N, C-alpha and C. Protein backbone atom coordinates (compact mmCIF):
# COMPACT_ATOMS: atom_id res chain seq x y z
N MET A 1 10.07 3.70 -12.83
CA MET A 1 9.08 2.85 -12.25
C MET A 1 8.42 3.60 -11.09
N VAL A 2 7.12 3.45 -11.00
CA VAL A 2 6.37 4.04 -9.90
C VAL A 2 5.78 2.90 -9.08
N ILE A 3 6.01 2.97 -7.79
CA ILE A 3 5.46 1.99 -6.85
C ILE A 3 4.49 2.74 -5.94
N THR A 4 3.26 2.28 -5.88
CA THR A 4 2.31 2.90 -4.96
C THR A 4 2.14 1.98 -3.76
N SER A 5 2.41 2.54 -2.60
CA SER A 5 2.34 1.73 -1.39
C SER A 5 2.23 2.64 -0.17
N ARG A 6 1.62 2.12 0.86
CA ARG A 6 1.60 2.82 2.15
C ARG A 6 2.65 2.23 3.09
N ASN A 7 3.38 1.25 2.60
CA ASN A 7 4.41 0.59 3.40
C ASN A 7 5.66 1.47 3.44
N PRO A 8 6.07 1.93 4.62
CA PRO A 8 7.24 2.81 4.70
C PRO A 8 8.56 2.09 4.41
N GLY A 9 8.55 0.76 4.31
CA GLY A 9 9.75 -0.01 4.05
C GLY A 9 10.37 0.24 2.69
N TRP A 10 9.63 0.83 1.77
CA TRP A 10 10.16 1.07 0.42
C TRP A 10 11.29 2.09 0.42
N HIS A 11 11.42 2.89 1.49
CA HIS A 11 12.46 3.92 1.50
C HIS A 11 13.86 3.33 1.39
N GLU A 12 14.00 2.05 1.68
CA GLU A 12 15.30 1.39 1.55
C GLU A 12 15.66 1.13 0.09
N LEU A 13 14.65 1.06 -0.79
CA LEU A 13 14.88 0.73 -2.19
C LEU A 13 14.63 1.88 -3.16
N ALA A 14 13.90 2.89 -2.70
CA ALA A 14 13.53 3.98 -3.59
C ALA A 14 13.33 5.25 -2.78
N THR A 15 13.25 6.36 -3.47
CA THR A 15 12.98 7.64 -2.81
C THR A 15 11.48 7.87 -2.76
N PRO A 16 10.92 7.86 -1.58
CA PRO A 16 9.46 8.05 -1.48
C PRO A 16 9.03 9.48 -1.82
N VAL A 17 7.89 9.57 -2.46
CA VAL A 17 7.27 10.85 -2.76
C VAL A 17 5.84 10.75 -2.26
N GLU A 18 5.50 11.55 -1.27
CA GLU A 18 4.14 11.50 -0.73
C GLU A 18 3.18 12.18 -1.69
N VAL A 19 2.07 11.53 -1.93
CA VAL A 19 1.03 12.07 -2.79
C VAL A 19 -0.25 12.10 -1.98
N ASP A 20 -0.81 13.27 -1.82
CA ASP A 20 -2.03 13.40 -1.05
C ASP A 20 -3.23 13.01 -1.91
N VAL A 21 -4.37 12.80 -1.28
CA VAL A 21 -5.59 12.52 -2.03
C VAL A 21 -5.97 13.76 -2.82
N PHE A 22 -6.74 13.56 -3.88
CA PHE A 22 -7.24 14.67 -4.67
C PHE A 22 -8.30 15.43 -3.90
N ASP A 23 -8.54 16.66 -4.31
CA ASP A 23 -9.72 17.34 -3.80
C ASP A 23 -10.88 16.97 -4.73
N GLY A 24 -12.09 17.29 -4.33
CA GLY A 24 -13.27 16.88 -5.10
C GLY A 24 -13.22 17.30 -6.56
N GLY A 25 -12.79 18.51 -6.83
CA GLY A 25 -12.73 19.00 -8.20
C GLY A 25 -11.75 18.22 -9.06
N GLU A 26 -10.58 17.90 -8.49
CA GLU A 26 -9.58 17.11 -9.22
C GLU A 26 -10.11 15.70 -9.51
N SER A 27 -10.80 15.13 -8.53
CA SER A 27 -11.35 13.79 -8.70
C SER A 27 -12.38 13.75 -9.83
N ILE A 28 -13.27 14.72 -9.82
CA ILE A 28 -14.31 14.80 -10.85
C ILE A 28 -13.67 14.99 -12.23
N ALA A 29 -12.67 15.87 -12.30
CA ALA A 29 -12.00 16.12 -13.58
C ALA A 29 -11.34 14.86 -14.12
N LEU A 30 -10.65 14.11 -13.24
CA LEU A 30 -9.99 12.88 -13.68
C LEU A 30 -11.02 11.86 -14.17
N LEU A 31 -12.08 11.65 -13.40
CA LEU A 31 -13.10 10.69 -13.81
C LEU A 31 -13.76 11.09 -15.12
N ARG A 32 -14.05 12.35 -15.30
CA ARG A 32 -14.72 12.80 -16.54
C ARG A 32 -13.77 12.73 -17.73
N ARG A 33 -12.47 12.90 -17.47
CA ARG A 33 -11.50 12.77 -18.56
C ARG A 33 -11.40 11.30 -18.99
N ARG A 34 -11.43 10.39 -18.02
CA ARG A 34 -11.34 8.95 -18.32
C ARG A 34 -12.66 8.39 -18.85
N ALA A 35 -13.79 8.90 -18.32
CA ALA A 35 -15.12 8.40 -18.69
C ALA A 35 -16.01 9.61 -18.97
N PRO A 36 -15.90 10.18 -20.17
CA PRO A 36 -16.60 11.43 -20.49
C PRO A 36 -18.12 11.34 -20.41
N GLN A 37 -18.68 10.14 -20.40
CA GLN A 37 -20.13 10.00 -20.32
C GLN A 37 -20.67 10.33 -18.93
N LEU A 38 -19.80 10.41 -17.95
CA LEU A 38 -20.24 10.71 -16.58
C LEU A 38 -20.63 12.18 -16.44
N THR A 39 -21.66 12.43 -15.66
CA THR A 39 -21.99 13.81 -15.29
C THR A 39 -21.11 14.19 -14.10
N ASP A 40 -21.09 15.48 -13.78
CA ASP A 40 -20.34 15.91 -12.60
C ASP A 40 -20.87 15.23 -11.34
N ASP A 41 -22.18 15.12 -11.23
CA ASP A 41 -22.77 14.47 -10.05
C ASP A 41 -22.33 13.01 -9.95
N GLN A 42 -22.41 12.28 -11.07
CA GLN A 42 -22.01 10.87 -11.06
C GLN A 42 -20.54 10.72 -10.69
N ALA A 43 -19.70 11.55 -11.29
CA ALA A 43 -18.26 11.49 -10.97
C ALA A 43 -18.04 11.82 -9.49
N GLY A 44 -18.80 12.75 -8.97
CA GLY A 44 -18.69 13.11 -7.55
C GLY A 44 -19.07 11.96 -6.64
N TRP A 45 -20.10 11.21 -7.00
CA TRP A 45 -20.51 10.05 -6.20
C TRP A 45 -19.39 9.00 -6.16
N VAL A 46 -18.82 8.74 -7.33
CA VAL A 46 -17.75 7.74 -7.40
C VAL A 46 -16.53 8.23 -6.62
N ALA A 47 -16.17 9.49 -6.80
CA ALA A 47 -15.01 10.06 -6.10
C ALA A 47 -15.18 9.98 -4.58
N GLU A 48 -16.35 10.31 -4.12
CA GLU A 48 -16.61 10.26 -2.68
C GLU A 48 -16.48 8.83 -2.16
N GLU A 49 -17.04 7.89 -2.89
CA GLU A 49 -16.99 6.49 -2.46
C GLU A 49 -15.55 5.96 -2.43
N LEU A 50 -14.71 6.46 -3.33
CA LEU A 50 -13.32 6.00 -3.41
C LEU A 50 -12.37 6.85 -2.58
N GLY A 51 -12.91 7.79 -1.82
CA GLY A 51 -12.07 8.58 -0.94
C GLY A 51 -11.11 9.51 -1.66
N ASP A 52 -11.42 9.89 -2.91
CA ASP A 52 -10.58 10.79 -3.71
C ASP A 52 -9.15 10.28 -3.90
N LEU A 53 -8.98 8.97 -3.89
CA LEU A 53 -7.65 8.38 -4.11
C LEU A 53 -7.38 8.27 -5.61
N SER A 54 -6.29 8.88 -6.04
CA SER A 54 -6.02 9.01 -7.48
C SER A 54 -5.94 7.67 -8.20
N LEU A 55 -5.25 6.69 -7.65
CA LEU A 55 -5.13 5.39 -8.33
C LEU A 55 -6.49 4.71 -8.45
N ALA A 56 -7.27 4.73 -7.38
CA ALA A 56 -8.60 4.13 -7.42
C ALA A 56 -9.50 4.86 -8.41
N LEU A 57 -9.37 6.18 -8.48
CA LEU A 57 -10.17 6.97 -9.42
C LEU A 57 -9.80 6.64 -10.87
N ALA A 58 -8.51 6.51 -11.13
CA ALA A 58 -8.06 6.17 -12.49
C ALA A 58 -8.59 4.80 -12.90
N GLN A 59 -8.55 3.84 -11.97
CA GLN A 59 -9.05 2.51 -12.27
C GLN A 59 -10.56 2.52 -12.47
N ALA A 60 -11.26 3.26 -11.63
CA ALA A 60 -12.72 3.35 -11.76
C ALA A 60 -13.09 4.01 -13.08
N GLY A 61 -12.40 5.09 -13.43
CA GLY A 61 -12.67 5.77 -14.69
C GLY A 61 -12.45 4.87 -15.88
N ALA A 62 -11.37 4.09 -15.85
CA ALA A 62 -11.10 3.15 -16.94
C ALA A 62 -12.20 2.10 -17.03
N HIS A 63 -12.61 1.58 -15.88
CA HIS A 63 -13.66 0.56 -15.86
C HIS A 63 -14.97 1.12 -16.42
N LEU A 64 -15.34 2.30 -15.97
CA LEU A 64 -16.60 2.89 -16.42
C LEU A 64 -16.56 3.28 -17.90
N ALA A 65 -15.37 3.60 -18.40
CA ALA A 65 -15.24 3.94 -19.82
C ALA A 65 -15.25 2.70 -20.71
N ASP A 66 -14.69 1.60 -20.20
CA ASP A 66 -14.48 0.41 -21.03
C ASP A 66 -15.56 -0.65 -20.92
N THR A 67 -16.53 -0.45 -20.06
CA THR A 67 -17.59 -1.44 -19.86
C THR A 67 -18.94 -0.76 -19.98
N THR A 68 -19.97 -1.55 -19.94
CA THR A 68 -21.32 -0.99 -19.97
C THR A 68 -21.89 -0.81 -18.57
N THR A 69 -21.06 -0.97 -17.55
CA THR A 69 -21.51 -0.80 -16.17
C THR A 69 -21.91 0.65 -15.93
N GLY A 70 -23.12 0.85 -15.44
CA GLY A 70 -23.57 2.19 -15.08
C GLY A 70 -23.04 2.58 -13.71
N VAL A 71 -23.11 3.87 -13.41
CA VAL A 71 -22.58 4.37 -12.15
C VAL A 71 -23.28 3.74 -10.94
N ARG A 72 -24.59 3.67 -10.98
CA ARG A 72 -25.31 3.08 -9.84
C ARG A 72 -24.93 1.61 -9.64
N ASP A 73 -24.82 0.86 -10.75
CA ASP A 73 -24.39 -0.54 -10.64
C ASP A 73 -22.96 -0.64 -10.13
N TYR A 74 -22.09 0.24 -10.63
CA TYR A 74 -20.70 0.25 -10.18
C TYR A 74 -20.63 0.51 -8.68
N LEU A 75 -21.37 1.51 -8.21
CA LEU A 75 -21.36 1.83 -6.78
C LEU A 75 -21.92 0.69 -5.95
N ALA A 76 -22.95 0.03 -6.46
CA ALA A 76 -23.52 -1.11 -5.73
C ALA A 76 -22.50 -2.24 -5.64
N LEU A 77 -21.80 -2.52 -6.74
CA LEU A 77 -20.78 -3.57 -6.74
C LEU A 77 -19.62 -3.19 -5.81
N LEU A 78 -19.25 -1.94 -5.81
CA LEU A 78 -18.18 -1.47 -4.94
C LEU A 78 -18.57 -1.65 -3.48
N THR A 79 -19.81 -1.31 -3.14
CA THR A 79 -20.30 -1.49 -1.78
C THR A 79 -20.30 -2.96 -1.40
N GLU A 80 -20.78 -3.79 -2.31
CA GLU A 80 -20.82 -5.24 -2.07
C GLU A 80 -19.42 -5.79 -1.83
N ARG A 81 -18.48 -5.42 -2.69
CA ARG A 81 -17.11 -5.93 -2.57
C ARG A 81 -16.43 -5.37 -1.32
N THR A 82 -16.72 -4.12 -0.98
CA THR A 82 -16.14 -3.54 0.23
C THR A 82 -16.64 -4.29 1.46
N THR A 83 -17.93 -4.59 1.50
CA THR A 83 -18.50 -5.34 2.61
C THR A 83 -17.85 -6.72 2.70
N GLU A 84 -17.68 -7.39 1.58
CA GLU A 84 -17.01 -8.70 1.57
C GLU A 84 -15.58 -8.58 2.08
N SER A 85 -14.89 -7.53 1.66
CA SER A 85 -13.51 -7.33 2.06
C SER A 85 -13.40 -7.08 3.56
N ILE A 86 -14.32 -6.28 4.08
CA ILE A 86 -14.31 -5.98 5.52
C ILE A 86 -14.59 -7.25 6.31
N ARG A 87 -15.57 -8.02 5.88
CA ARG A 87 -15.89 -9.28 6.57
C ARG A 87 -14.68 -10.21 6.57
N GLY A 88 -13.98 -10.25 5.46
CA GLY A 88 -12.83 -11.15 5.34
C GLY A 88 -11.63 -10.71 6.15
N ARG A 89 -11.59 -9.47 6.57
CA ARG A 89 -10.42 -8.95 7.29
C ARG A 89 -10.77 -8.45 8.67
N LYS A 90 -11.85 -8.96 9.25
CA LYS A 90 -12.25 -8.54 10.59
C LYS A 90 -11.09 -8.67 11.55
N GLY A 91 -10.92 -7.65 12.37
CA GLY A 91 -9.87 -7.69 13.37
C GLY A 91 -8.51 -7.26 12.84
N SER A 92 -8.40 -6.97 11.56
CA SER A 92 -7.11 -6.60 11.01
C SER A 92 -6.79 -5.13 11.25
N GLY A 93 -7.81 -4.34 11.55
CA GLY A 93 -7.59 -2.92 11.76
C GLY A 93 -7.41 -2.16 10.46
N GLN A 94 -7.63 -2.79 9.31
CA GLN A 94 -7.44 -2.13 8.02
C GLN A 94 -8.78 -1.96 7.34
N LEU A 95 -9.54 -0.99 7.79
CA LEU A 95 -10.85 -0.74 7.19
C LEU A 95 -10.83 0.61 6.49
N GLY A 96 -11.99 1.11 6.16
CA GLY A 96 -12.10 2.43 5.55
C GLY A 96 -11.54 2.47 4.15
N THR A 97 -10.68 3.46 3.90
CA THR A 97 -10.13 3.66 2.56
C THR A 97 -9.40 2.42 2.06
N SER A 98 -8.63 1.78 2.90
CA SER A 98 -7.90 0.60 2.46
C SER A 98 -8.85 -0.50 1.97
N ALA A 99 -9.97 -0.65 2.66
CA ALA A 99 -10.95 -1.66 2.23
C ALA A 99 -11.52 -1.30 0.87
N ARG A 100 -11.77 -0.02 0.63
CA ARG A 100 -12.30 0.40 -0.67
C ARG A 100 -11.29 0.11 -1.78
N VAL A 101 -10.03 0.42 -1.52
CA VAL A 101 -9.00 0.18 -2.54
C VAL A 101 -8.84 -1.32 -2.79
N ARG A 102 -8.82 -2.13 -1.72
CA ARG A 102 -8.73 -3.58 -1.90
C ARG A 102 -9.91 -4.09 -2.71
N SER A 103 -11.08 -3.54 -2.42
CA SER A 103 -12.27 -3.96 -3.14
C SER A 103 -12.16 -3.62 -4.62
N ARG A 104 -11.74 -2.41 -4.92
CA ARG A 104 -11.61 -1.97 -6.31
C ARG A 104 -10.58 -2.83 -7.04
N TRP A 105 -9.46 -3.10 -6.36
CA TRP A 105 -8.42 -3.90 -6.98
C TRP A 105 -8.91 -5.32 -7.23
N ALA A 106 -9.60 -5.89 -6.26
CA ALA A 106 -10.14 -7.25 -6.42
C ALA A 106 -11.10 -7.29 -7.60
N ARG A 107 -11.91 -6.28 -7.76
CA ARG A 107 -12.86 -6.23 -8.87
C ARG A 107 -12.12 -6.15 -10.20
N THR A 108 -11.08 -5.33 -10.27
CA THR A 108 -10.30 -5.18 -11.50
C THR A 108 -9.65 -6.51 -11.87
N VAL A 109 -9.02 -7.16 -10.91
CA VAL A 109 -8.35 -8.44 -11.17
C VAL A 109 -9.37 -9.50 -11.56
N SER A 110 -10.49 -9.52 -10.87
CA SER A 110 -11.54 -10.49 -11.16
C SER A 110 -12.06 -10.34 -12.58
N ARG A 111 -12.30 -9.12 -13.02
CA ARG A 111 -12.80 -8.88 -14.38
C ARG A 111 -11.73 -9.22 -15.41
N ALA A 112 -10.48 -8.90 -15.12
CA ALA A 112 -9.39 -9.20 -16.07
C ALA A 112 -9.25 -10.71 -16.26
N ALA A 113 -9.44 -11.45 -15.20
CA ALA A 113 -9.32 -12.90 -15.27
C ALA A 113 -10.43 -13.53 -16.12
N CYS A 114 -11.54 -12.82 -16.28
CA CYS A 114 -12.67 -13.34 -17.05
C CYS A 114 -12.54 -13.05 -18.54
N GLY A 115 -11.48 -12.41 -18.95
CA GLY A 115 -11.29 -12.11 -20.36
C GLY A 115 -11.61 -10.66 -20.69
N PRO A 116 -11.80 -10.34 -21.97
CA PRO A 116 -12.07 -8.96 -22.39
C PRO A 116 -13.27 -8.38 -21.67
N ILE A 117 -13.16 -7.08 -21.30
CA ILE A 117 -14.22 -6.44 -20.55
C ILE A 117 -15.07 -5.52 -21.40
N ALA A 118 -14.70 -5.30 -22.62
CA ALA A 118 -15.51 -4.37 -23.43
C ALA A 118 -16.37 -5.13 -24.43
């Protein structure tokens, strides 16, 4: 089992393995492997917006491969959801990358709840 978390409390239950963010080339390669219709530039835009976080990139690649959402629409939705997430957590001190990941996760859960996405 793999648990992804930034919470250091997991060390009591499992052996933590730190995983750094991808570099730009790794991010583009992962996105293009998951969503081959993307150009290098498009994959780079998505990677930059997601902070080169591997889990977020894998989810984004799956979404872009399995739906008719274009990259520009995906980025617009990501920005919209990130803004909503930041507004909802004002004063929490958890902005930036965490907000992007929360936004991506909320979008994935929201789409899954609506039924088939393809």
